[in-house]
Amino acid sequence: MSSIPLAEDVLDADSAVIPISELAGQVGVPVSKLQQMVRDGQLIALRRDREVCVPADFVDESGVVKGLTGTMTVLSDAGFTRSESLRWLFTADESLPGRPIDALRGNRGTEVKRRAQAMAF
C-alpha cells in the first residue's frame, strides 16, 4: 500500500487536529477509507506529535464538512500543494469575511469555491 501524502503542519499550534484512527471511529468509516480520501486529495492530513491527523475543522457531526472535497479539487487544479491548500483554508479572507474553512462550515461553499477558482487565473 502506498504511503499517505502529508502536508506540512502549517496550522497554528492551538488548531485542533484529530488522529485519523480516532476520526474513523467518530464518523463510522474504516481508517483505510480515510487514508484513501487523503491519497485522492479529498482530505488533507498532517503529522503532529508523531500521529497522522486531520484538522478538526474538516469534520462536523455529519462527517466531512460539505463542500470541502470540491474545494480541495479546485485548489489542486489551480496548482496548490497540500500545504498551500491547508494554509489557504485556514487564513482569514476579508472578502468572505473570515477563514475559508469557517465559510465552508457555515454552508457558504459556493463563495469559497468561487474565490479558489479566481486564484487559478
PDB file of N, CA and C in Angstrom:
ATOM      1  N   MET A   1       0.849  -1.179   0.000  1.00  0.00           N
ATOM      2  CA  MET A   1       0.000   0.000   0.000  1.00  0.00           C
ATOM      3  C   MET A   1       0.891   1.238   0.000  1.00  0.00           C
ATOM      4  N   SER A   2       0.504   2.246  -0.757  1.00  0.00           N
ATOM      5  CA  SER A   2       1.312   3.454  -0.839  1.00  0.00           C
ATOM      6  C   SER A   2       1.199   4.269   0.442  1.00  0.00           C
ATOM      7  N   SER A   3       2.200   5.084   0.660  1.00  0.00           N
ATOM      8  CA  SER A   3       2.192   5.906   1.862  1.00  0.00           C
ATOM      9  C   SER A   3       1.174   7.038   1.709  1.00  0.00           C
ATOM     10  N   ILE A   4       0.828   7.609   2.818  1.00  0.00           N
ATOM     11  CA  ILE A   4      -0.150   8.685   2.833  1.00  0.00           C
ATOM     12  C   ILE A   4       0.586  10.005   2.621  1.00  0.00           C
ATOM     13  N   PRO A   5       0.185  10.787   1.615  1.00  0.00           N
ATOM     14  CA  PRO A   5       0.836  12.081   1.398  1.00  0.00           C
ATOM     15  C   PRO A   5       0.414  13.060   2.489  1.00  0.00           C
ATOM     16  N   LEU A   6       1.387  13.681   3.119  1.00  0.00           N
ATOM     17  CA  LEU A   6       1.115  14.586   4.228  1.00  0.00           C
ATOM     18  C   LEU A   6       1.485  16.012   3.869  1.00  0.00           C
ATOM     19  N   ALA A   7       0.700  16.937   4.378  1.00  0.00           N
ATOM     20  CA  ALA A   7       1.017  18.356   4.262  1.00  0.00           C
ATOM     21  C   ALA A   7       1.930  18.726   5.421  1.00  0.00           C
ATOM     22  N   GLU A   8       2.643  19.814   5.258  1.00  0.00           N
ATOM     23  CA  GLU A   8       3.388  20.365   6.387  1.00  0.00           C
ATOM     24  C   GLU A   8       2.362  20.846   7.411  1.00  0.00           C
ATOM     25  N   ASP A   9       2.736  20.830   8.667  1.00  0.00           N
ATOM     26  CA  ASP A   9       1.839  21.348   9.703  1.00  0.00           C
ATOM     27  C   ASP A   9       1.979  22.866   9.730  1.00  0.00           C
ATOM     28  N   VAL A  10       1.194  23.537   8.878  1.00  0.00           N
ATOM     29  CA  VAL A  10       1.241  24.993   8.763  1.00  0.00           C
ATOM     30  C   VAL A  10       0.185  25.661   9.640  1.00  0.00           C
ATOM     31  N   LEU A  11      -0.548  24.867  10.400  1.00  0.00           N
ATOM     32  CA  LEU A  11      -1.593  25.393  11.269  1.00  0.00           C
ATOM     33  C   LEU A  11      -0.989  25.990  12.534  1.00  0.00           C
ATOM     34  N   ASP A  12      -1.740  26.888  13.162  1.00  0.00           N
ATOM     35  CA  ASP A  12      -1.331  27.391  14.460  1.00  0.00           C
ATOM     36  C   ASP A  12      -1.243  26.218  15.424  1.00  0.00           C
ATOM     37  N   ALA A  13      -0.360  26.326  16.386  1.00  0.00           N
ATOM     38  CA  ALA A  13      -0.162  25.242  17.347  1.00  0.00           C
ATOM     39  C   ALA A  13      -1.441  24.924  18.127  1.00  0.00           C
ATOM     40  N   ASP A  14      -2.311  25.910  18.284  1.00  0.00           N
ATOM     41  CA  ASP A  14      -3.545  25.669  19.038  1.00  0.00           C
ATOM     42  C   ASP A  14      -4.704  25.187  18.161  1.00  0.00           C
ATOM     43  N   SER A  15      -4.472  25.017  16.862  1.00  0.00           N
ATOM     44  CA  SER A  15      -5.511  24.478  15.973  1.00  0.00           C
ATOM     45  C   SER A  15      -5.699  22.999  16.281  1.00  0.00           C
ATOM     46  N   ALA A  16      -6.935  22.618  16.547  1.00  0.00           N
ATOM     47  CA  ALA A  16      -7.237  21.233  16.907  1.00  0.00           C
ATOM     48  C   ALA A  16      -7.101  20.310  15.709  1.00  0.00           C
ATOM     49  N   VAL A  17      -6.523  19.148  15.954  1.00  0.00           N
ATOM     50  CA  VAL A  17      -6.428  18.092  14.950  1.00  0.00           C
ATOM     51  C   VAL A  17      -6.941  16.804  15.573  1.00  0.00           C
ATOM     52  N   ILE A  18      -7.354  15.884  14.703  1.00  0.00           N
ATOM     53  CA  ILE A  18      -7.866  14.593  15.151  1.00  0.00           C
ATOM     54  C   ILE A  18      -7.053  13.494  14.476  1.00  0.00           C
ATOM     55  N   PRO A  19      -6.479  12.578  15.262  1.00  0.00           N
ATOM     56  CA  PRO A  19      -5.783  11.454  14.638  1.00  0.00           C
ATOM     57  C   PRO A  19      -6.747  10.672  13.742  1.00  0.00           C
ATOM     58  N   ILE A  20      -6.264  10.216  12.603  1.00  0.00           N
ATOM     59  CA  ILE A  20      -7.122   9.501  11.650  1.00  0.00           C
ATOM     60  C   ILE A  20      -7.791   8.292  12.308  1.00  0.00           C
ATOM     61  N   SER A  21      -7.080   7.601  13.165  1.00  0.00           N
ATOM     62  CA  SER A  21      -7.670   6.426  13.813  1.00  0.00           C
ATOM     63  C   SER A  21      -8.861   6.817  14.688  1.00  0.00           C
ATOM     64  N   GLU A  22      -8.765   7.939  15.359  1.00  0.00           N
ATOM     65  CA  GLU A  22      -9.875   8.432  16.191  1.00  0.00           C
ATOM     66  C   GLU A  22     -11.019   8.947  15.321  1.00  0.00           C
ATOM     67  N   LEU A  23     -10.674   9.641  14.254  1.00  0.00           N
ATOM     68  CA  LEU A  23     -11.684  10.176  13.341  1.00  0.00           C
ATOM     69  C   LEU A  23     -12.506   9.061  12.711  1.00  0.00           C
ATOM     70  N   ALA A  24     -11.858   7.963  12.365  1.00  0.00           N
ATOM     71  CA  ALA A  24     -12.568   6.826  11.759  1.00  0.00           C
ATOM     72  C   ALA A  24     -13.691   6.352  12.670  1.00  0.00           C
ATOM     73  N   GLY A  25     -13.410   6.224  13.944  1.00  0.00           N
ATOM     74  CA  GLY A  25     -14.441   5.817  14.889  1.00  0.00           C
ATOM     75  C   GLY A  25     -15.519   6.869  15.050  1.00  0.00           C
ATOM     76  N   GLN A  26     -15.117   8.115  15.005  1.00  0.00           N
ATOM     77  CA  GLN A  26     -16.054   9.231  15.182  1.00  0.00           C
ATOM     78  C   GLN A  26     -17.066   9.316  14.039  1.00  0.00           C
ATOM     79  N   VAL A  27     -16.610   9.108  12.806  1.00  0.00           N
ATOM     80  CA  VAL A  27     -17.505   9.239  11.654  1.00  0.00           C
ATOM     81  C   VAL A  27     -18.008   7.894  11.144  1.00  0.00           C
ATOM     82  N   GLY A  28     -17.523   6.810  11.750  1.00  0.00           N
ATOM     83  CA  GLY A  28     -18.041   5.490  11.412  1.00  0.00           C
ATOM     84  C   GLY A  28     -17.587   4.930  10.076  1.00  0.00           C
ATOM     85  N   VAL A  29     -16.338   5.220   9.699  1.00  0.00           N
ATOM     86  CA  VAL A  29     -15.779   4.647   8.469  1.00  0.00           C
ATOM     87  C   VAL A  29     -14.431   4.009   8.805  1.00  0.00           C
ATOM     88  N   PRO A  30     -13.995   3.052   8.018  1.00  0.00           N
ATOM     89  CA  PRO A  30     -12.690   2.433   8.283  1.00  0.00           C
ATOM     90  C   PRO A  30     -11.540   3.432   8.086  1.00  0.00           C
ATOM     91  N   VAL A  31     -10.473   3.217   8.828  1.00  0.00           N
ATOM     92  CA  VAL A  31      -9.269   4.040   8.679  1.00  0.00           C
ATOM     93  C   VAL A  31      -8.798   4.021   7.230  1.00  0.00           C
ATOM     94  N   SER A  32      -8.886   2.866   6.591  1.00  0.00           N
ATOM     95  CA  SER A  32      -8.418   2.741   5.207  1.00  0.00           C
ATOM     96  C   SER A  32      -9.189   3.667   4.262  1.00  0.00           C
ATOM     97  N   LYS A  33     -10.474   3.881   4.520  1.00  0.00           N
ATOM     98  CA  LYS A  33     -11.261   4.799   3.680  1.00  0.00           C
ATOM     99  C   LYS A  33     -10.768   6.238   3.857  1.00  0.00           C
ATOM    100  N   LEU A  34     -10.480   6.637   5.082  1.00  0.00           N
ATOM    101  CA  LEU A  34      -9.957   7.987   5.320  1.00  0.00           C
ATOM    102  C   LEU A  34      -8.574   8.141   4.687  1.00  0.00           C
ATOM    103  N   GLN A  35      -7.753   7.120   4.796  1.00  0.00           N
ATOM    104  CA  GLN A  35      -6.437   7.170   4.161  1.00  0.00           C
ATOM    105  C   GLN A  35      -6.568   7.307   2.646  1.00  0.00           C
ATOM    106  N   GLN A  36      -7.530   6.612   2.060  1.00  0.00           N
ATOM    107  CA  GLN A  36      -7.746   6.722   0.614  1.00  0.00           C
ATOM    108  C   GLN A  36      -8.250   8.118   0.245  1.00  0.00           C
ATOM    109  N   MET A  37      -9.084   8.705   1.090  1.00  0.00           N
ATOM    110  CA  MET A  37      -9.550  10.072   0.837  1.00  0.00           C
ATOM    111  C   MET A  37      -8.370  11.042   0.840  1.00  0.00           C
ATOM    112  N   VAL A  38      -7.405  10.817   1.721  1.00  0.00           N
ATOM    113  CA  VAL A  38      -6.203  11.667   1.746  1.00  0.00           C
ATOM    114  C   VAL A  38      -5.400  11.449   0.465  1.00  0.00           C
ATOM    115  N   ARG A  39      -5.212  10.204   0.076  1.00  0.00           N
ATOM    116  CA  ARG A  39      -4.467   9.904  -1.163  1.00  0.00           C
ATOM    117  C   ARG A  39      -5.140  10.541  -2.382  1.00  0.00           C
ATOM    118  N   ASP A  40      -6.485  10.522  -2.388  1.00  0.00           N
ATOM    119  CA  ASP A  40      -7.245  11.062  -3.519  1.00  0.00           C
ATOM    120  C   ASP A  40      -7.373  12.582  -3.487  1.00  0.00           C
ATOM    121  N   GLY A  41      -6.856  13.225  -2.440  1.00  0.00           N
ATOM    122  CA  GLY A  41      -6.919  14.681  -2.340  1.00  0.00           C
ATOM    123  C   GLY A  41      -8.246  15.210  -1.828  1.00  0.00           C
ATOM    124  N   GLN A  42      -9.055  14.355  -1.239  1.00  0.00           N
ATOM    125  CA  GLN A  42     -10.345  14.784  -0.701  1.00  0.00           C
ATOM    126  C   GLN A  42     -10.224  15.297   0.731  1.00  0.00           C
ATOM    127  N   LEU A  43      -9.149  14.948   1.386  1.00  0.00           N
ATOM    128  CA  LEU A  43      -8.816  15.416   2.733  1.00  0.00           C
ATOM    129  C   LEU A  43      -7.330  15.737   2.757  1.00  0.00           C
ATOM    130  N   ILE A  44      -6.941  16.562   3.689  1.00  0.00           N
ATOM    131  CA  ILE A  44      -5.529  16.854   3.902  1.00  0.00           C
ATOM    132  C   ILE A  44      -5.162  16.318   5.275  1.00  0.00           C
ATOM    133  N   ALA A  45      -4.090  15.579   5.311  1.00  0.00           N
ATOM    134  CA  ALA A  45      -3.578  15.069   6.579  1.00  0.00           C
ATOM    135  C   ALA A  45      -2.200  15.678   6.840  1.00  0.00           C
ATOM    136  N   LEU A  46      -1.842  15.721   8.098  1.00  0.00           N
ATOM    137  CA  LEU A  46      -0.551  16.228   8.524  1.00  0.00           C
ATOM    138  C   LEU A  46      -0.070  15.373   9.685  1.00  0.00           C
ATOM    139  N   ARG A  47       1.173  15.517  10.015  1.00  0.00           N
ATOM    140  CA  ARG A  47       1.708  14.774  11.151  1.00  0.00           C
ATOM    141  C   ARG A  47       1.908  15.748  12.304  1.00  0.00           C
ATOM    142  N   ARG A  48       1.328  15.390  13.441  1.00  0.00           N
ATOM    143  CA  ARG A  48       1.511  16.177  14.656  1.00  0.00           C
ATOM    144  C   ARG A  48       1.694  15.201  15.805  1.00  0.00           C
ATOM    145  N   ASP A  49       2.703  15.438  16.593  1.00  0.00           N
ATOM    146  CA  ASP A  49       3.012  14.540  17.718  1.00  0.00           C
ATOM    147  C   ASP A  49       3.117  13.093  17.260  1.00  0.00           C
ATOM    148  N   ARG A  50       3.751  12.902  16.115  1.00  0.00           N
ATOM    149  CA  ARG A  50       4.017  11.580  15.522  1.00  0.00           C
ATOM    150  C   ARG A  50       2.773  10.830  15.072  1.00  0.00           C
ATOM    151  N   GLU A  51       1.640  11.506  15.020  1.00  0.00           N
ATOM    152  CA  GLU A  51       0.408  10.856  14.553  1.00  0.00           C
ATOM    153  C   GLU A  51      -0.069  11.526  13.278  1.00  0.00           C
ATOM    154  N   VAL A  52      -0.647  10.733  12.374  1.00  0.00           N
ATOM    155  CA  VAL A  52      -1.269  11.272  11.169  1.00  0.00           C
ATOM    156  C   VAL A  52      -2.636  11.789  11.584  1.00  0.00           C
ATOM    157  N   CYS A  53      -2.855  13.079  11.341  1.00  0.00           N
ATOM    158  CA  CYS A  53      -4.057  13.760  11.810  1.00  0.00           C
ATOM    159  C   CYS A  53      -4.724  14.548  10.688  1.00  0.00           C
ATOM    160  N   VAL A  54      -5.959  14.903  10.936  1.00  0.00           N
ATOM    161  CA  VAL A  54      -6.748  15.750  10.053  1.00  0.00           C
ATOM    162  C   VAL A  54      -7.213  16.941  10.899  1.00  0.00           C
ATOM    163  N   PRO A  55      -7.222  18.154  10.344  1.00  0.00           N
ATOM    164  CA  PRO A  55      -7.739  19.283  11.122  1.00  0.00           C
ATOM    165  C   PRO A  55      -9.165  19.006  11.591  1.00  0.00           C
ATOM    166  N   ALA A  56      -9.437  19.297  12.843  1.00  0.00           N
ATOM    167  CA  ALA A  56     -10.768  19.052  13.416  1.00  0.00           C
ATOM    168  C   ALA A  56     -11.842  19.853  12.684  1.00  0.00           C
ATOM    169  N   ASP A  57     -11.493  21.005  12.131  1.00  0.00           N
ATOM    170  CA  ASP A  57     -12.472  21.826  11.414  1.00  0.00           C
ATOM    171  C   ASP A  57     -12.929  21.193  10.102  1.00  0.00           C
ATOM    172  N   PHE A  58     -12.263  20.133   9.659  1.00  0.00           N
ATOM    173  CA  PHE A  58     -12.658  19.453   8.424  1.00  0.00           C
ATOM    174  C   PHE A  58     -13.872  18.558   8.614  1.00  0.00           C
ATOM    175  N   VAL A  59     -14.272  18.315   9.846  1.00  0.00           N
ATOM    176  CA  VAL A  59     -15.408  17.425  10.103  1.00  0.00           C
ATOM    177  C   VAL A  59     -16.416  18.111  11.019  1.00  0.00           C
ATOM    178  N   ASP A  60     -17.664  17.698  10.851  1.00  0.00           N
ATOM    179  CA  ASP A  60     -18.728  18.137  11.744  1.00  0.00           C
ATOM    180  C   ASP A  60     -19.529  16.907  12.149  1.00  0.00           C
ATOM    181  N   GLU A  61     -20.694  17.111  12.715  1.00  0.00           N
ATOM    182  CA  GLU A  61     -21.482  15.981  13.210  1.00  0.00           C
ATOM    183  C   GLU A  61     -21.918  15.016  12.112  1.00  0.00           C
ATOM    184  N   SER A  62     -21.928  15.463  10.866  1.00  0.00           N
ATOM    185  CA  SER A  62     -22.353  14.592   9.770  1.00  0.00           C
ATOM    186  C   SER A  62     -21.186  13.959   9.015  1.00  0.00           C
ATOM    187  N   GLY A  63     -19.962  14.275   9.385  1.00  0.00           N
ATOM    188  CA  GLY A  63     -18.789  13.732   8.704  1.00  0.00           C
ATOM    189  C   GLY A  63     -17.926  14.844   8.140  1.00  0.00           C
ATOM    190  N   VAL A  64     -17.375  14.625   6.942  1.00  0.00           N
ATOM    191  CA  VAL A  64     -16.541  15.641   6.295  1.00  0.00           C
ATOM    192  C   VAL A  64     -17.425  16.834   5.934  1.00  0.00           C
ATOM    193  N   VAL A  65     -16.927  18.026   6.239  1.00  0.00           N
ATOM    194  CA  VAL A  65     -17.674  19.264   6.003  1.00  0.00           C
ATOM    195  C   VAL A  65     -18.096  19.353   4.536  1.00  0.00           C
ATOM    196  N   LYS A  66     -19.351  19.660   4.331  1.00  0.00           N
ATOM    197  CA  LYS A  66     -19.898  19.796   2.981  1.00  0.00           C
ATOM    198  C   LYS A  66     -19.119  20.864   2.212  1.00  0.00           C
ATOM    199  N   GLY A  67     -18.744  20.534   0.989  1.00  0.00           N
ATOM    200  CA  GLY A  67     -18.029  21.468   0.125  1.00  0.00           C
ATOM    201  C   GLY A  67     -16.516  21.385   0.221  1.00  0.00           C
ATOM    202  N   LEU A  68     -15.991  20.703   1.241  1.00  0.00           N
ATOM    203  CA  LEU A  68     -14.544  20.627   1.395  1.00  0.00           C
ATOM    204  C   LEU A  68     -13.903  19.856   0.250  1.00  0.00           C
ATOM    205  N   THR A  69     -14.464  18.729  -0.105  1.00  0.00           N
ATOM    206  CA  THR A  69     -13.886  17.894  -1.155  1.00  0.00           C
ATOM    207  C   THR A  69     -13.817  18.657  -2.483  1.00  0.00           C
ATOM    208  N   GLY A  70     -14.884  19.340  -2.850  1.00  0.00           N
ATOM    209  CA  GLY A  70     -14.898  20.117  -4.089  1.00  0.00           C
ATOM    210  C   GLY A  70     -13.898  21.258  -4.055  1.00  0.00           C
ATOM    211  N   THR A  71     -13.780  21.909  -2.904  1.00  0.00           N
ATOM    212  CA  THR A  71     -12.818  22.995  -2.755  1.00  0.00           C
ATOM    213  C   THR A  71     -11.394  22.468  -2.895  1.00  0.00           C
ATOM    214  N   MET A  72     -11.145  21.298  -2.313  1.00  0.00           N
ATOM    215  CA  MET A  72      -9.820  20.695  -2.417  1.00  0.00           C
ATOM    216  C   MET A  72      -9.479  20.411  -3.887  1.00  0.00           C
ATOM    217  N   THR A  73     -10.453  19.951  -4.654  1.00  0.00           N
ATOM    218  CA  THR A  73     -10.236  19.676  -6.075  1.00  0.00           C
ATOM    219  C   THR A  73      -9.899  20.958  -6.828  1.00  0.00           C
ATOM    220  N   VAL A  74     -10.639  22.022  -6.553  1.00  0.00           N
ATOM    221  CA  VAL A  74     -10.388  23.306  -7.213  1.00  0.00           C
ATOM    222  C   VAL A  74      -8.985  23.808  -6.894  1.00  0.00           C
ATOM    223  N   LEU A  75      -8.602  23.730  -5.624  1.00  0.00           N
ATOM    224  CA  LEU A  75      -7.271  24.193  -5.228  1.00  0.00           C
ATOM    225  C   LEU A  75      -6.169  23.361  -5.890  1.00  0.00           C
ATOM    226  N   SER A  76      -6.364  22.060  -5.937  1.00  0.00           N
ATOM    227  CA  SER A  76      -5.388  21.183  -6.581  1.00  0.00           C
ATOM    228  C   SER A  76      -5.280  21.501  -8.069  1.00  0.00           C
ATOM    229  N   ASP A  77      -6.419  21.694  -8.724  1.00  0.00           N
ATOM    230  CA  ASP A  77      -6.424  22.048 -10.143  1.00  0.00           C
ATOM    231  C   ASP A  77      -5.742  23.389 -10.396  1.00  0.00           C
ATOM    232  N   ALA A  78      -5.777  24.272  -9.384  1.00  0.00           N
ATOM    233  CA  ALA A  78      -5.134  25.581  -9.507  1.00  0.00           C
ATOM    234  C   ALA A  78      -3.630  25.494  -9.248  1.00  0.00           C
ATOM    235  N   GLY A  79      -3.145  24.301  -8.906  1.00  0.00           N
ATOM    236  CA  GLY A  79      -1.722  24.114  -8.705  1.00  0.00           C
ATOM    237  C   GLY A  79      -1.260  24.225  -7.263  1.00  0.00           C
ATOM    238  N   PHE A  80      -2.192  24.319  -6.332  1.00  0.00           N
ATOM    239  CA  PHE A  80      -1.828  24.416  -4.925  1.00  0.00           C
ATOM    240  C   PHE A  80      -1.328  23.065  -4.425  1.00  0.00           C
ATOM    241  N   THR A  81      -0.279  23.079  -3.629  1.00  0.00           N
ATOM    242  CA  THR A  81       0.154  21.870  -2.945  1.00  0.00           C
ATOM    243  C   THR A  81      -0.785  21.639  -1.759  1.00  0.00           C
ATOM    244  N   ARG A  82      -0.668  20.496  -1.137  1.00  0.00           N
ATOM    245  CA  ARG A  82      -1.493  20.214   0.050  1.00  0.00           C
ATOM    246  C   ARG A  82      -1.214  21.229   1.150  1.00  0.00           C
ATOM    247  N   SER A  83       0.038  21.555   1.350  1.00  0.00           N
ATOM    248  CA  SER A  83       0.404  22.525   2.390  1.00  0.00           C
ATOM    249  C   SER A  83      -0.159  23.904   2.065  1.00  0.00           C
ATOM    250  N   GLU A  84      -0.069  24.315   0.805  1.00  0.00           N
ATOM    251  CA  GLU A  84      -0.612  25.614   0.398  1.00  0.00           C
ATOM    252  C   GLU A  84      -2.130  25.636   0.546  1.00  0.00           C
ATOM    253  N   SER A  85      -2.782  24.542   0.205  1.00  0.00           N
ATOM    254  CA  SER A  85      -4.236  24.455   0.355  1.00  0.00           C
ATOM    255  C   SER A  85      -4.630  24.566   1.818  1.00  0.00           C
ATOM    256  N   LEU A  86      -3.905  23.882   2.672  1.00  0.00           N
ATOM    257  CA  LEU A  86      -4.184  23.926   4.100  1.00  0.00           C
ATOM    258  C   LEU A  86      -4.011  25.345   4.625  1.00  0.00           C
ATOM    259  N   ARG A  87      -2.923  25.983   4.234  1.00  0.00           N
ATOM    260  CA  ARG A  87      -2.681  27.362   4.669  1.00  0.00           C
ATOM    261  C   ARG A  87      -3.810  28.279   4.183  1.00  0.00           C
ATOM    262  N   TRP A  88      -4.223  28.135   2.916  1.00  0.00           N
ATOM    263  CA  TRP A  88      -5.269  28.991   2.370  1.00  0.00           C
ATOM    264  C   TRP A  88      -6.588  28.786   3.121  1.00  0.00           C
ATOM    265  N   LEU A  89      -6.939  27.551   3.386  1.00  0.00           N
ATOM    266  CA  LEU A  89      -8.200  27.261   4.071  1.00  0.00           C
ATOM    267  C   LEU A  89      -8.261  27.859   5.474  1.00  0.00           C
ATOM    268  N   PHE A  90      -7.100  28.023   6.114  1.00  0.00           N
ATOM    269  CA  PHE A  90      -7.063  28.490   7.496  1.00  0.00           C
ATOM    270  C   PHE A  90      -6.557  29.926   7.644  1.00  0.00           C
ATOM    271  N   THR A  91      -6.476  30.668   6.541  1.00  0.00           N
ATOM    272  CA  THR A  91      -6.061  32.066   6.582  1.00  0.00           C
ATOM    273  C   THR A  91      -7.271  32.959   6.324  1.00  0.00           C
ATOM    274  N   ALA A  92      -7.431  33.965   7.167  1.00  0.00           N
ATOM    275  CA  ALA A  92      -8.577  34.870   7.047  1.00  0.00           C
ATOM    276  C   ALA A  92      -8.591  35.564   5.686  1.00  0.00           C
ATOM    277  N   ASP A  93      -9.795  35.710   5.145  1.00  0.00           N
ATOM    278  CA  ASP A  93     -10.026  36.380   3.869  1.00  0.00           C
ATOM    279  C   ASP A  93     -11.089  37.445   4.132  1.00  0.00           C
ATOM    280  N   GLU A  94     -10.686  38.708   4.023  1.00  0.00           N
ATOM    281  CA  GLU A  94     -11.606  39.809   4.330  1.00  0.00           C
ATOM    282  C   GLU A  94     -12.859  39.790   3.473  1.00  0.00           C
ATOM    283  N   SER A  95     -12.762  39.242   2.261  1.00  0.00           N
ATOM    284  CA  SER A  95     -13.915  39.249   1.368  1.00  0.00           C
ATOM    285  C   SER A  95     -14.966  38.214   1.751  1.00  0.00           C
ATOM    286  N   LEU A  96     -14.641  37.271   2.631  1.00  0.00           N
ATOM    287  CA  LEU A  96     -15.652  36.262   2.993  1.00  0.00           C
ATOM    288  C   LEU A  96     -16.651  36.760   4.042  1.00  0.00           C
ATOM    289  N   PRO A  97     -16.418  37.348   5.088  1.00  0.00           N
ATOM    290  CA  PRO A  97     -15.183  37.514   5.854  1.00  0.00           C
ATOM    291  C   PRO A  97     -14.883  36.261   6.680  1.00  0.00           C
ATOM    292  N   GLY A  98     -13.642  36.164   7.123  1.00  0.00           N
ATOM    293  CA  GLY A  98     -13.210  35.032   7.934  1.00  0.00           C
ATOM    294  C   GLY A  98     -12.376  34.056   7.130  1.00  0.00           C
ATOM    295  N   ARG A  99     -12.144  32.909   7.720  1.00  0.00           N
ATOM    296  CA  ARG A  99     -11.341  31.878   7.059  1.00  0.00           C
ATOM    297  C   ARG A  99     -12.219  31.057   6.120  1.00  0.00           C
ATOM    298  N   PRO A 100     -11.676  30.615   4.994  1.00  0.00           N
ATOM    299  CA  PRO A 100     -12.458  29.774   4.087  1.00  0.00           C
ATOM    300  C   PRO A 100     -13.051  28.535   4.764  1.00  0.00           C
ATOM    301  N   ILE A 101     -12.305  27.903   5.668  1.00  0.00           N
ATOM    302  CA  ILE A 101     -12.844  26.713   6.319  1.00  0.00           C
ATOM    303  C   ILE A 101     -14.070  27.057   7.155  1.00  0.00           C
ATOM    304  N   ASP A 102     -14.093  28.242   7.761  1.00  0.00           N
ATOM    305  CA  ASP A 102     -15.262  28.656   8.539  1.00  0.00           C
ATOM    306  C   ASP A 102     -16.460  28.907   7.623  1.00  0.00           C
ATOM    307  N   ALA A 103     -16.190  29.461   6.443  1.00  0.00           N
ATOM    308  CA  ALA A 103     -17.274  29.686   5.480  1.00  0.00           C
ATOM    309  C   ALA A 103     -17.841  28.348   5.007  1.00  0.00           C
ATOM    310  N   LEU A 104     -16.979  27.363   4.767  1.00  0.00           N
ATOM    311  CA  LEU A 104     -17.465  26.032   4.384  1.00  0.00           C
ATOM    312  C   LEU A 104     -18.325  25.447   5.499  1.00  0.00           C
ATOM    313  N   ARG A 105     -17.870  25.585   6.721  1.00  0.00           N
ATOM    314  CA  ARG A 105     -18.624  25.055   7.864  1.00  0.00           C
ATOM    315  C   ARG A 105     -19.951  25.792   8.023  1.00  0.00           C
ATOM    316  N   GLY A 106     -20.007  27.032   7.542  1.00  0.00           N
ATOM    317  CA  GLY A 106     -21.225  27.831   7.606  1.00  0.00           C
ATOM    318  C   GLY A 106     -22.098  27.674   6.371  1.00  0.00           C
ATOM    319  N   ASN A 107     -21.849  26.623   5.583  1.00  0.00           N
ATOM    320  CA  ASN A 107     -22.629  26.315   4.384  1.00  0.00           C
ATOM    321  C   ASN A 107     -22.547  27.425   3.336  1.00  0.00           C
ATOM    322  N   ARG A 108     -21.352  28.016   3.197  1.00  0.00           N
ATOM    323  CA  ARG A 108     -21.115  29.028   2.168  1.00  0.00           C
ATOM    324  C   ARG A 108     -20.050  28.542   1.192  1.00  0.00           C
ATOM    325  N   GLY A 109     -20.167  27.279   0.811  1.00  0.00           N
ATOM    326  CA  GLY A 109     -19.176  26.640  -0.049  1.00  0.00           C
ATOM    327  C   GLY A 109     -19.052  27.271  -1.417  1.00  0.00           C
ATOM    328  N   THR A 110     -20.157  27.758  -1.964  1.00  0.00           N
ATOM    329  CA  THR A 110     -20.115  28.374  -3.292  1.00  0.00           C
ATOM    330  C   THR A 110     -19.188  29.586  -3.282  1.00  0.00           C
ATOM    331  N   GLU A 111     -19.266  30.403  -2.236  1.00  0.00           N
ATOM    332  CA  GLU A 111     -18.402  31.578  -2.135  1.00  0.00           C
ATOM    333  C   GLU A 111     -16.935  31.161  -2.049  1.00  0.00           C
ATOM    334  N   VAL A 112     -16.663  30.127  -1.280  1.00  0.00           N
ATOM    335  CA  VAL A 112     -15.291  29.659  -1.104  1.00  0.00           C
ATOM    336  C   VAL A 112     -14.744  29.130  -2.428  1.00  0.00           C
ATOM    337  N   LYS A 113     -15.523  28.297  -3.115  1.00  0.00           N
ATOM    338  CA  LYS A 113     -15.057  27.742  -4.394  1.00  0.00           C
ATOM    339  C   LYS A 113     -14.845  28.836  -5.430  1.00  0.00           C
ATOM    340  N   ARG A 114     -15.683  29.850  -5.415  1.00  0.00           N
ATOM    341  CA  ARG A 114     -15.536  30.963  -6.356  1.00  0.00           C
ATOM    342  C   ARG A 114     -14.196  31.653  -6.144  1.00  0.00           C
ATOM    343  N   ARG A 115     -13.825  31.882  -4.908  1.00  0.00           N
ATOM    344  CA  ARG A 115     -12.539  32.530  -4.619  1.00  0.00           C
ATOM    345  C   ARG A 115     -11.368  31.627  -4.997  1.00  0.00           C
ATOM    346  N   ALA A 116     -11.511  30.331  -4.731  1.00  0.00           N
ATOM    347  CA  ALA A 116     -10.459  29.387  -5.100  1.00  0.00           C
ATOM    348  C   ALA A 116     -10.279  29.348  -6.621  1.00  0.00           C
ATOM    349  N   GLN A 117     -11.384  29.366  -7.363  1.00  0.00           N
ATOM    350  CA  GLN A 117     -11.315  29.350  -8.824  1.00  0.00           C
ATOM    351  C   GLN A 117     -10.649  30.633  -9.350  1.00  0.00           C
ATOM    352  N   ALA A 118     -10.937  31.765  -8.722  1.00  0.00           N
ATOM    353  CA  ALA A 118     -10.372  33.039  -9.166  1.00  0.00           C
ATOM    354  C   ALA A 118      -8.862  33.049  -8.998  1.00  0.00           C
ATOM    355  N   MET A 119      -8.350  32.330  -8.016  1.00  0.00           N
ATOM    356  CA  MET A 119      -6.900  32.290  -7.799  1.00  0.00           C
ATOM    357  C   MET A 119      -6.174  31.500  -8.877  1.00  0.00           C
ATOM    358  N   ALA A 120      -6.895  30.678  -9.603  1.00  0.00           N
ATOM    359  CA  ALA A 120      -6.285  29.846 -10.644  1.00  0.00           C
ATOM    360  C   ALA A 120      -5.884  30.678 -11.860  1.00  0.00           C
ATOM    361  N   PHE A 121      -6.395  31.885 -11.954  1.00  0.00           N
ATOM    362  CA  PHE A 121      -6.120  32.722 -13.138  1.00  0.00           C
ATOM    363  C   PHE A 121      -5.201  33.866 -12.843  1.00  0.00           C
TER     364      PHE A 121
END
